[in-house]
Amino acid sequence: VKIHPQEMEKRYFDWVDNLHDWTISRQLWWGHRIPVWYGPNGEVVCVGPDDEAPTGEGWTQDNDVLDTWFSSGLWPFSTLGWPERTDSLAKFYP
């Protein structure tokens, strides 16, 4: 990587060296629930849109919700017609 102007190179690499993962979940009471369920015997089940959540005693859904930035990323899809392959979706998200 060549940094221009040269005097910004140290700042750039200091930033890269100190990057941290950004969590995608939050401990809030509202938001898009994470579709993961935990069973009484340590089972972990990720439930897809066409799947039923596990039933029975001892199953609990993950308490966290997806971060606002994750939800914001869904906005273009929900306003441009997804899951259909609309002209608007093809134009703005080719």
PDB file of N, CA and C in Angstrom:
ATOM      1  N   VAL A   1       0.847  -1.168   0.000  1.00  0.00           N
ATOM      2  CA  VAL A   1       0.000   0.000   0.000  1.00  0.00           C
ATOM      3  C   VAL A   1       0.892   1.230   0.000  1.00  0.00           C
ATOM      4  N   LYS A   2       0.618   2.148  -0.907  1.00  0.00           N
ATOM      5  CA  LYS A   2       1.343   3.415  -0.942  1.00  0.00           C
ATOM      6  C   LYS A   2       0.394   4.498  -0.450  1.00  0.00           C
ATOM      7  N   ILE A   3       0.792   5.183   0.601  1.00  0.00           N
ATOM      8  CA  ILE A   3      -0.038   6.208   1.222  1.00  0.00           C
ATOM      9  C   ILE A   3       0.401   7.583   0.732  1.00  0.00           C
ATOM     10  N   HIS A   4      -0.599   8.380   0.366  1.00  0.00           N
ATOM     11  CA  HIS A   4      -0.305   9.745  -0.064  1.00  0.00           C
ATOM     12  C   HIS A   4      -1.215  10.687   0.704  1.00  0.00           C
ATOM     13  N   PRO A   5      -0.716  11.687   1.338  1.00  0.00           N
ATOM     14  CA  PRO A   5       0.680  12.086   1.434  1.00  0.00           C
ATOM     15  C   PRO A   5       1.463  11.177   2.378  1.00  0.00           C
ATOM     16  N   GLN A   6       2.739  11.103   2.155  1.00  0.00           N
ATOM     17  CA  GLN A   6       3.648  10.204   2.873  1.00  0.00           C
ATOM     18  C   GLN A   6       3.535  10.354   4.391  1.00  0.00           C
ATOM     19  N   GLU A   7       3.355  11.585   4.882  1.00  0.00           N
ATOM     20  CA  GLU A   7       3.324  11.796   6.336  1.00  0.00           C
ATOM     21  C   GLU A   7       2.099  11.161   7.006  1.00  0.00           C
ATOM     22  N   MET A   8       1.126  10.689   6.227  1.00  0.00           N
ATOM     23  CA  MET A   8      -0.049  10.019   6.786  1.00  0.00           C
ATOM     24  C   MET A   8       0.136   8.507   6.914  1.00  0.00           C
ATOM     25  N   GLU A   9       1.253   7.991   6.426  1.00  0.00           N
ATOM     26  CA  GLU A   9       1.469   6.539   6.436  1.00  0.00           C
ATOM     27  C   GLU A   9       1.450   5.966   7.846  1.00  0.00           C
ATOM     28  N   LYS A  10       2.155   6.593   8.783  1.00  0.00           N
ATOM     29  CA  LYS A  10       2.183   6.087  10.156  1.00  0.00           C
ATOM     30  C   LYS A  10       0.770   6.077  10.752  1.00  0.00           C
ATOM     31  N   ARG A  11       0.012   7.142  10.537  1.00  0.00           N
ATOM     32  CA  ARG A  11      -1.348   7.207  11.076  1.00  0.00           C
ATOM     33  C   ARG A  11      -2.209   6.080  10.509  1.00  0.00           C
ATOM     34  N   TYR A  12      -2.088   5.828   9.217  1.00  0.00           N
ATOM     35  CA  TYR A  12      -2.874   4.765   8.580  1.00  0.00           C
ATOM     36  C   TYR A  12      -2.547   3.405   9.193  1.00  0.00           C
ATOM     37  N   PHE A  13      -1.257   3.081   9.289  1.00  0.00           N
ATOM     38  CA  PHE A  13      -0.891   1.762   9.804  1.00  0.00           C
ATOM     39  C   PHE A  13      -1.170   1.634  11.300  1.00  0.00           C
ATOM     40  N   ASP A  14      -1.087   2.728  12.058  1.00  0.00           N
ATOM     41  CA  ASP A  14      -1.506   2.682  13.464  1.00  0.00           C
ATOM     42  C   ASP A  14      -2.989   2.332  13.560  1.00  0.00           C
ATOM     43  N   TRP A  15      -3.790   2.926  12.678  1.00  0.00           N
ATOM     44  CA  TRP A  15      -5.230   2.647  12.655  1.00  0.00           C
ATOM     45  C   TRP A  15      -5.484   1.183  12.315  1.00  0.00           C
ATOM     46  N   VAL A  16      -4.814   0.678  11.260  1.00  0.00           N
ATOM     47  CA  VAL A  16      -4.995  -0.715  10.841  1.00  0.00           C
ATOM     48  C   VAL A  16      -4.566  -1.671  11.949  1.00  0.00           C
ATOM     49  N   ASP A  17      -3.465  -1.371  12.608  1.00  0.00           N
ATOM     50  CA  ASP A  17      -2.966  -2.251  13.669  1.00  0.00           C
ATOM     51  C   ASP A  17      -3.884  -2.291  14.888  1.00  0.00           C
ATOM     52  N   ASN A  18      -4.739  -1.299  15.043  1.00  0.00           N
ATOM     53  CA  ASN A  18      -5.602  -1.226  16.221  1.00  0.00           C
ATOM     54  C   ASN A  18      -7.076  -1.455  15.910  1.00  0.00           C
ATOM     55  N   LEU A  19      -7.375  -2.028  14.753  1.00  0.00           N
ATOM     56  CA  LEU A  19      -8.767  -2.327  14.414  1.00  0.00           C
ATOM     57  C   LEU A  19      -9.313  -3.405  15.347  1.00  0.00           C
ATOM     58  N   HIS A  20     -10.574  -3.281  15.684  1.00  0.00           N
ATOM     59  CA  HIS A  20     -11.238  -4.273  16.531  1.00  0.00           C
ATOM     60  C   HIS A  20     -12.520  -4.727  15.844  1.00  0.00           C
ATOM     61  N   ASP A  21     -12.919  -5.961  16.115  1.00  0.00           N
ATOM     62  CA  ASP A  21     -14.194  -6.443  15.604  1.00  0.00           C
ATOM     63  C   ASP A  21     -15.313  -5.562  16.137  1.00  0.00           C
ATOM     64  N   TRP A  22     -16.344  -5.386  15.328  1.00  0.00           N
ATOM     65  CA  TRP A  22     -17.502  -4.605  15.743  1.00  0.00           C
ATOM     66  C   TRP A  22     -18.657  -5.583  15.898  1.00  0.00           C
ATOM     67  N   THR A  23     -19.158  -5.670  17.082  1.00  0.00           N
ATOM     68  CA  THR A  23     -20.228  -6.621  17.355  1.00  0.00           C
ATOM     69  C   THR A  23     -21.464  -6.313  16.517  1.00  0.00           C
ATOM     70  N   ILE A  24     -22.152  -7.347  16.082  1.00  0.00           N
ATOM     71  CA  ILE A  24     -23.371  -7.128  15.302  1.00  0.00           C
ATOM     72  C   ILE A  24     -24.618  -7.261  16.161  1.00  0.00           C
ATOM     73  N   SER A  25     -24.429  -7.494  17.463  1.00  0.00           N
ATOM     74  CA  SER A  25     -25.609  -7.657  18.313  1.00  0.00           C
ATOM     75  C   SER A  25     -25.564  -6.688  19.489  1.00  0.00           C
ATOM     76  N   ARG A  26     -26.735  -6.459  20.039  1.00  0.00           N
ATOM     77  CA  ARG A  26     -26.880  -5.565  21.183  1.00  0.00           C
ATOM     78  C   ARG A  26     -27.823  -6.213  22.196  1.00  0.00           C
ATOM     79  N   GLN A  27     -27.730  -5.739  23.431  1.00  0.00           N
ATOM     80  CA  GLN A  27     -28.598  -6.239  24.486  1.00  0.00           C
ATOM     81  C   GLN A  27     -29.719  -5.216  24.706  1.00  0.00           C
ATOM     82  N   LEU A  28     -30.666  -5.202  23.781  1.00  0.00           N
ATOM     83  CA  LEU A  28     -31.804  -4.285  23.821  1.00  0.00           C
ATOM     84  C   LEU A  28     -33.102  -5.082  23.825  1.00  0.00           C
ATOM     85  N   TRP A  29     -34.202  -4.433  24.149  1.00  0.00           N
ATOM     86  CA  TRP A  29     -35.495  -5.128  24.159  1.00  0.00           C
ATOM     87  C   TRP A  29     -36.209  -5.033  22.827  1.00  0.00           C
ATOM     88  N   TRP A  30     -35.712  -4.218  21.877  1.00  0.00           N
ATOM     89  CA  TRP A  30     -36.352  -4.070  20.572  1.00  0.00           C
ATOM     90  C   TRP A  30     -35.320  -4.331  19.483  1.00  0.00           C
ATOM     91  N   GLY A  31     -35.784  -4.695  18.321  1.00  0.00           N
ATOM     92  CA  GLY A  31     -34.893  -4.904  17.186  1.00  0.00           C
ATOM     93  C   GLY A  31     -35.166  -6.235  16.508  1.00  0.00           C
ATOM     94  N   HIS A  32     -34.339  -6.555  15.536  1.00  0.00           N
ATOM     95  CA  HIS A  32     -34.453  -7.831  14.828  1.00  0.00           C
ATOM     96  C   HIS A  32     -33.829  -8.920  15.695  1.00  0.00           C
ATOM     97  N   ARG A  33     -34.654  -9.838  16.148  1.00  0.00           N
ATOM     98  CA  ARG A  33     -34.160 -10.921  17.005  1.00  0.00           C
ATOM     99  C   ARG A  33     -33.221 -11.837  16.233  1.00  0.00           C
ATOM    100  N   ILE A  34     -32.193 -12.306  16.893  1.00  0.00           N
ATOM    101  CA  ILE A  34     -31.262 -13.253  16.290  1.00  0.00           C
ATOM    102  C   ILE A  34     -31.957 -14.612  16.257  1.00  0.00           C
ATOM    103  N   PRO A  35     -32.025 -15.251  15.087  1.00  0.00           N
ATOM    104  CA  PRO A  35     -32.808 -16.490  14.950  1.00  0.00           C
ATOM    105  C   PRO A  35     -32.059 -17.747  15.402  1.00  0.00           C
ATOM    106  N   VAL A  36     -31.502 -17.685  16.595  1.00  0.00           N
ATOM    107  CA  VAL A  36     -30.764 -18.823  17.146  1.00  0.00           C
ATOM    108  C   VAL A  36     -31.449 -19.261  18.434  1.00  0.00           C
ATOM    109  N   TRP A  37     -31.618 -20.566  18.558  1.00  0.00           N
ATOM    110  CA  TRP A  37     -32.264 -21.154  19.728  1.00  0.00           C
ATOM    111  C   TRP A  37     -31.298 -22.105  20.416  1.00  0.00           C
ATOM    112  N   TYR A  38     -31.358 -22.111  21.746  1.00  0.00           N
ATOM    113  CA  TYR A  38     -30.492 -22.976  22.552  1.00  0.00           C
ATOM    114  C   TYR A  38     -31.350 -24.024  23.253  1.00  0.00           C
ATOM    115  N   GLY A  39     -30.906 -25.278  23.136  1.00  0.00           N
ATOM    116  CA  GLY A  39     -31.659 -26.378  23.721  1.00  0.00           C
ATOM    117  C   GLY A  39     -31.190 -26.733  25.112  1.00  0.00           C
ATOM    118  N   PRO A  40     -31.968 -27.538  25.807  1.00  0.00           N
ATOM    119  CA  PRO A  40     -31.666 -27.894  27.190  1.00  0.00           C
ATOM    120  C   PRO A  40     -30.423 -28.769  27.337  1.00  0.00           C
ATOM    121  N   ASN A  41     -29.995 -29.408  26.247  1.00  0.00           N
ATOM    122  CA  ASN A  41     -28.820 -30.283  26.311  1.00  0.00           C
ATOM    123  C   ASN A  41     -27.635 -29.718  25.536  1.00  0.00           C
ATOM    124  N   GLY A  42     -27.600 -28.382  25.383  1.00  0.00           N
ATOM    125  CA  GLY A  42     -26.486 -27.742  24.696  1.00  0.00           C
ATOM    126  C   GLY A  42     -26.650 -27.608  23.192  1.00  0.00           C
ATOM    127  N   GLU A  43     -27.809 -27.970  22.663  1.00  0.00           N
ATOM    128  CA  GLU A  43     -28.037 -27.849  21.225  1.00  0.00           C
ATOM    129  C   GLU A  43     -28.098 -26.369  20.840  1.00  0.00           C
ATOM    130  N   VAL A  44     -27.642 -26.075  19.625  1.00  0.00           N
ATOM    131  CA  VAL A  44     -27.746 -24.728  19.065  1.00  0.00           C
ATOM    132  C   VAL A  44     -28.373 -24.873  17.687  1.00  0.00           C
ATOM    133  N   VAL A  45     -29.505 -24.195  17.469  1.00  0.00           N
ATOM    134  CA  VAL A  45     -30.225 -24.307  16.208  1.00  0.00           C
ATOM    135  C   VAL A  45     -30.429 -22.909  15.634  1.00  0.00           C
ATOM    136  N   CYS A  46     -29.981 -22.718  14.399  1.00  0.00           N
ATOM    137  CA  CYS A  46     -30.241 -21.481  13.670  1.00  0.00           C
ATOM    138  C   CYS A  46     -31.469 -21.722  12.800  1.00  0.00           C
ATOM    139  N   VAL A  47     -32.502 -20.910  13.003  1.00  0.00           N
ATOM    140  CA  VAL A  47     -33.774 -21.109  12.330  1.00  0.00           C
ATOM    141  C   VAL A  47     -33.847 -20.212  11.099  1.00  0.00           C
ATOM    142  N   GLY A  48     -34.005 -20.819   9.926  1.00  0.00           N
ATOM    143  CA  GLY A  48     -34.146 -20.077   8.681  1.00  0.00           C
ATOM    144  C   GLY A  48     -35.561 -19.556   8.500  1.00  0.00           C
ATOM    145  N   PRO A  49     -35.778 -18.746   7.466  1.00  0.00           N
ATOM    146  CA  PRO A  49     -37.094 -18.129   7.269  1.00  0.00           C
ATOM    147  C   PRO A  49     -38.214 -19.129   6.993  1.00  0.00           C
ATOM    148  N   ASP A  50     -37.887 -20.306   6.509  1.00  0.00           N
ATOM    149  CA  ASP A  50     -38.911 -21.310   6.214  1.00  0.00           C
ATOM    150  C   ASP A  50     -38.967 -22.413   7.263  1.00  0.00           C
ATOM    151  N   ASP A  51     -38.211 -22.248   8.344  1.00  0.00           N
ATOM    152  CA  ASP A  51     -38.136 -23.267   9.389  1.00  0.00           C
ATOM    153  C   ASP A  51     -38.988 -22.875  10.593  1.00  0.00           C
ATOM    154  N   GLU A  52     -39.371 -23.864  11.359  1.00  0.00           N
ATOM    155  CA  GLU A  52     -40.101 -23.640  12.602  1.00  0.00           C
ATOM    156  C   GLU A  52     -39.103 -23.589  13.754  1.00  0.00           C
ATOM    157  N   ALA A  53     -39.361 -22.713  14.704  1.00  0.00           N
ATOM    158  CA  ALA A  53     -38.519 -22.658  15.897  1.00  0.00           C
ATOM    159  C   ALA A  53     -38.706 -23.940  16.699  1.00  0.00           C
ATOM    160  N   PRO A  54     -37.668 -24.391  17.395  1.00  0.00           N
ATOM    161  CA  PRO A  54     -37.799 -25.600  18.209  1.00  0.00           C
ATOM    162  C   PRO A  54     -38.880 -25.421  19.277  1.00  0.00           C
ATOM    163  N   THR A  55     -39.569 -26.492  19.555  1.00  0.00           N
ATOM    164  CA  THR A  55     -40.589 -26.463  20.604  1.00  0.00           C
ATOM    165  C   THR A  55     -40.200 -27.450  21.688  1.00  0.00           C
ATOM    166  N   GLY A  56     -40.801 -27.318  22.793  1.00  0.00           N
ATOM    167  CA  GLY A  56     -40.512 -28.220  23.900  1.00  0.00           C
ATOM    168  C   GLY A  56     -39.866 -27.473  25.047  1.00  0.00           C
ATOM    169  N   GLU A  57     -39.845 -28.131  26.156  1.00  0.00           N
ATOM    170  CA  GLU A  57     -39.330 -27.517  27.368  1.00  0.00           C
ATOM    171  C   GLU A  57     -37.827 -27.283  27.278  1.00  0.00           C
ATOM    172  N   GLY A  58     -37.398 -26.136  27.742  1.00  0.00           N
ATOM    173  CA  GLY A  58     -35.975 -25.848  27.841  1.00  0.00           C
ATOM    174  C   GLY A  58     -35.363 -25.105  26.666  1.00  0.00           C
ATOM    175  N   TRP A  59     -36.108 -24.897  25.597  1.00  0.00           N
ATOM    176  CA  TRP A  59     -35.576 -24.160  24.451  1.00  0.00           C
ATOM    177  C   TRP A  59     -35.738 -22.662  24.688  1.00  0.00           C
ATOM    178  N   THR A  60     -34.671 -21.891  24.435  1.00  0.00           N
ATOM    179  CA  THR A  60     -34.738 -20.438  24.571  1.00  0.00           C
ATOM    180  C   THR A  60     -34.092 -19.785  23.363  1.00  0.00           C
ATOM    181  N   GLN A  61     -34.680 -18.661  22.955  1.00  0.00           N
ATOM    182  CA  GLN A  61     -34.112 -17.919  21.835  1.00  0.00           C
ATOM    183  C   GLN A  61     -33.013 -16.992  22.351  1.00  0.00           C
ATOM    184  N   ASP A  62     -32.010 -16.752  21.522  1.00  0.00           N
ATOM    185  CA  ASP A  62     -30.946 -15.810  21.868  1.00  0.00           C
ATOM    186  C   ASP A  62     -31.575 -14.485  22.287  1.00  0.00           C
ATOM    187  N   ASN A  63     -31.085 -13.910  23.362  1.00  0.00           N
ATOM    188  CA  ASN A  63     -31.663 -12.680  23.900  1.00  0.00           C
ATOM    189  C   ASN A  63     -31.264 -11.420  23.146  1.00  0.00           C
ATOM    190  N   ASP A  64     -30.172 -11.467  22.400  1.00  0.00           N
ATOM    191  CA  ASP A  64     -29.683 -10.270  21.726  1.00  0.00           C
ATOM    192  C   ASP A  64     -30.481  -9.957  20.467  1.00  0.00           C
ATOM    193  N   VAL A  65     -30.347  -8.720  20.022  1.00  0.00           N
ATOM    194  CA  VAL A  65     -30.926  -8.288  18.751  1.00  0.00           C
ATOM    195  C   VAL A  65     -29.792  -7.792  17.865  1.00  0.00           C
ATOM    196  N   LEU A  66     -30.046  -7.760  16.550  1.00  0.00           N
ATOM    197  CA  LEU A  66     -29.029  -7.295  15.622  1.00  0.00           C
ATOM    198  C   LEU A  66     -28.843  -5.789  15.756  1.00  0.00           C
ATOM    199  N   ASP A  67     -27.607  -5.356  15.594  1.00  0.00           N
ATOM    200  CA  ASP A  67     -27.251  -3.950  15.699  1.00  0.00           C
ATOM    201  C   ASP A  67     -28.018  -3.107  14.677  1.00  0.00           C
ATOM    202  N   THR A  68     -28.254  -1.853  15.009  1.00  0.00           N
ATOM    203  CA  THR A  68     -28.974  -0.937  14.125  1.00  0.00           C
ATOM    204  C   THR A  68     -28.331  -0.846  12.752  1.00  0.00           C
ATOM    205  N   TRP A  69     -27.018  -0.891  12.695  1.00  0.00           N
ATOM    206  CA  TRP A  69     -26.347  -0.788  11.394  1.00  0.00           C
ATOM    207  C   TRP A  69     -26.668  -1.982  10.524  1.00  0.00           C
ATOM    208  N   PHE A  70     -26.816  -3.139  11.120  1.00  0.00           N
ATOM    209  CA  PHE A  70     -27.223  -4.317  10.355  1.00  0.00           C
ATOM    210  C   PHE A  70     -28.626  -4.108   9.799  1.00  0.00           C
ATOM    211  N   SER A  71     -29.529  -3.652  10.651  1.00  0.00           N
ATOM    212  CA  SER A  71     -30.905  -3.412  10.218  1.00  0.00           C
ATOM    213  C   SER A  71     -30.969  -2.348   9.128  1.00  0.00           C
ATOM    214  N   SER A  72     -30.156  -1.309   9.259  1.00  0.00           N
ATOM    215  CA  SER A  72     -30.143  -0.242   8.256  1.00  0.00           C
ATOM    216  C   SER A  72     -29.728  -0.766   6.892  1.00  0.00           C
ATOM    217  N   GLY A  73     -28.874  -1.768   6.883  1.00  0.00           N
ATOM    218  CA  GLY A  73     -28.439  -2.353   5.620  1.00  0.00           C
ATOM    219  C   GLY A  73     -29.556  -3.069   4.881  1.00  0.00           C
ATOM    220  N   LEU A  74     -30.635  -3.384   5.577  1.00  0.00           N
ATOM    221  CA  LEU A  74     -31.776  -4.045   4.947  1.00  0.00           C
ATOM    222  C   LEU A  74     -32.697  -3.071   4.227  1.00  0.00           C
ATOM    223  N   TRP A  75     -32.584  -1.780   4.536  1.00  0.00           N
ATOM    224  CA  TRP A  75     -33.493  -0.774   3.989  1.00  0.00           C
ATOM    225  C   TRP A  75     -33.572  -0.787   2.464  1.00  0.00           C
ATOM    226  N   PRO A  76     -32.445  -0.776   1.741  1.00  0.00           N
ATOM    227  CA  PRO A  76     -32.550  -0.768   0.274  1.00  0.00           C
ATOM    228  C   PRO A  76     -33.310  -1.973  -0.270  1.00  0.00           C
ATOM    229  N   PHE A  77     -33.099  -3.117   0.321  1.00  0.00           N
ATOM    230  CA  PHE A  77     -33.778  -4.316  -0.163  1.00  0.00           C
ATOM    231  C   PHE A  77     -35.280  -4.240   0.081  1.00  0.00           C
ATOM    232  N   SER A  78     -35.661  -3.778   1.261  1.00  0.00           N
ATOM    233  CA  SER A  78     -37.086  -3.736   1.573  1.00  0.00           C
ATOM    234  C   SER A  78     -37.816  -2.650   0.795  1.00  0.00           C
ATOM    235  N   THR A  79     -37.124  -1.610   0.357  1.00  0.00           N
ATOM    236  CA  THR A  79     -37.783  -0.541  -0.396  1.00  0.00           C
ATOM    237  C   THR A  79     -37.708  -0.725  -1.904  1.00  0.00           C
ATOM    238  N   LEU A  80     -36.813  -1.587  -2.372  1.00  0.00           N
ATOM    239  CA  LEU A  80     -36.638  -1.763  -3.817  1.00  0.00           C
ATOM    240  C   LEU A  80     -37.230  -3.067  -4.340  1.00  0.00           C
ATOM    241  N   GLY A  81     -37.992  -3.763  -3.504  1.00  0.00           N
ATOM    242  CA  GLY A  81     -38.760  -4.892  -4.006  1.00  0.00           C
ATOM    243  C   GLY A  81     -38.223  -6.283  -3.747  1.00  0.00           C
ATOM    244  N   TRP A  82     -37.098  -6.404  -3.056  1.00  0.00           N
ATOM    245  CA  TRP A  82     -36.564  -7.731  -2.764  1.00  0.00           C
ATOM    246  C   TRP A  82     -37.606  -8.530  -1.991  1.00  0.00           C
ATOM    247  N   PRO A  83     -37.779  -9.799  -2.220  1.00  0.00           N
ATOM    248  CA  PRO A  83     -36.906 -10.726  -2.944  1.00  0.00           C
ATOM    249  C   PRO A  83     -37.163 -10.802  -4.446  1.00  0.00           C
ATOM    250  N   GLU A  84     -38.117 -10.032  -4.942  1.00  0.00           N
ATOM    251  CA  GLU A  84     -38.332 -10.014  -6.394  1.00  0.00           C
ATOM    252  C   GLU A  84     -37.147  -9.326  -7.065  1.00  0.00           C
ATOM    253  N   ARG A  85     -36.894  -9.683  -8.308  1.00  0.00           N
ATOM    254  CA  ARG A  85     -35.800  -9.057  -9.062  1.00  0.00           C
ATOM    255  C   ARG A  85     -36.361  -7.861  -9.836  1.00  0.00           C
ATOM    256  N   THR A  86     -36.566  -6.765  -9.120  1.00  0.00           N
ATOM    257  CA  THR A  86     -37.182  -5.583  -9.721  1.00  0.00           C
ATOM    258  C   THR A  86     -36.162  -4.777 -10.521  1.00  0.00           C
ATOM    259  N   ASP A  87     -36.665  -3.916 -11.403  1.00  0.00           N
ATOM    260  CA  ASP A  87     -35.787  -3.037 -12.179  1.00  0.00           C
ATOM    261  C   ASP A  87     -35.002  -2.098 -11.263  1.00  0.00           C
ATOM    262  N   SER A  88     -35.665  -1.589 -10.233  1.00  0.00           N
ATOM    263  CA  SER A  88     -34.985  -0.678  -9.300  1.00  0.00           C
ATOM    264  C   SER A  88     -33.852  -1.380  -8.567  1.00  0.00           C
ATOM    265  N   LEU A  89     -34.087  -2.588  -8.135  1.00  0.00           N
ATOM    266  CA  LEU A  89     -33.048  -3.341  -7.442  1.00  0.00           C
ATOM    267  C   LEU A  89     -31.877  -3.614  -8.374  1.00  0.00           C
ATOM    268  N   ALA A  90     -32.162  -3.972  -9.617  1.00  0.00           N
ATOM    269  CA  ALA A  90     -31.097  -4.228 -10.594  1.00  0.00           C
ATOM    270  C   ALA A  90     -30.314  -2.956 -10.905  1.00  0.00           C
ATOM    271  N   LYS A  91     -30.994  -1.826 -10.942  1.00  0.00           N
ATOM    272  CA  LYS A  91     -30.334  -0.562 -11.271  1.00  0.00           C
ATOM    273  C   LYS A  91     -29.428  -0.084 -10.136  1.00  0.00           C
ATOM    274  N   PHE A  92     -29.938  -0.088  -8.910  1.00  0.00           N
ATOM    275  CA  PHE A  92     -29.199   0.477  -7.793  1.00  0.00           C
ATOM    276  C   PHE A  92     -28.308  -0.527  -7.061  1.00  0.00           C
ATOM    277  N   TYR A  93     -28.586  -1.814  -7.219  1.00  0.00           N
ATOM    278  CA  TYR A  93     -27.784  -2.877  -6.597  1.00  0.00           C
ATOM    279  C   TYR A  93     -27.550  -3.981  -7.622  1.00  0.00           C
ATOM    280  N   PRO A  94     -26.708  -3.675  -8.635  1.00  0.00           N
ATOM    281  CA  PRO A  94     -26.531  -4.637  -9.753  1.00  0.00           C
ATOM    282  C   PRO A  94     -25.860  -5.934  -9.354  1.00  0.00           C
TER     283      PRO A  94
END
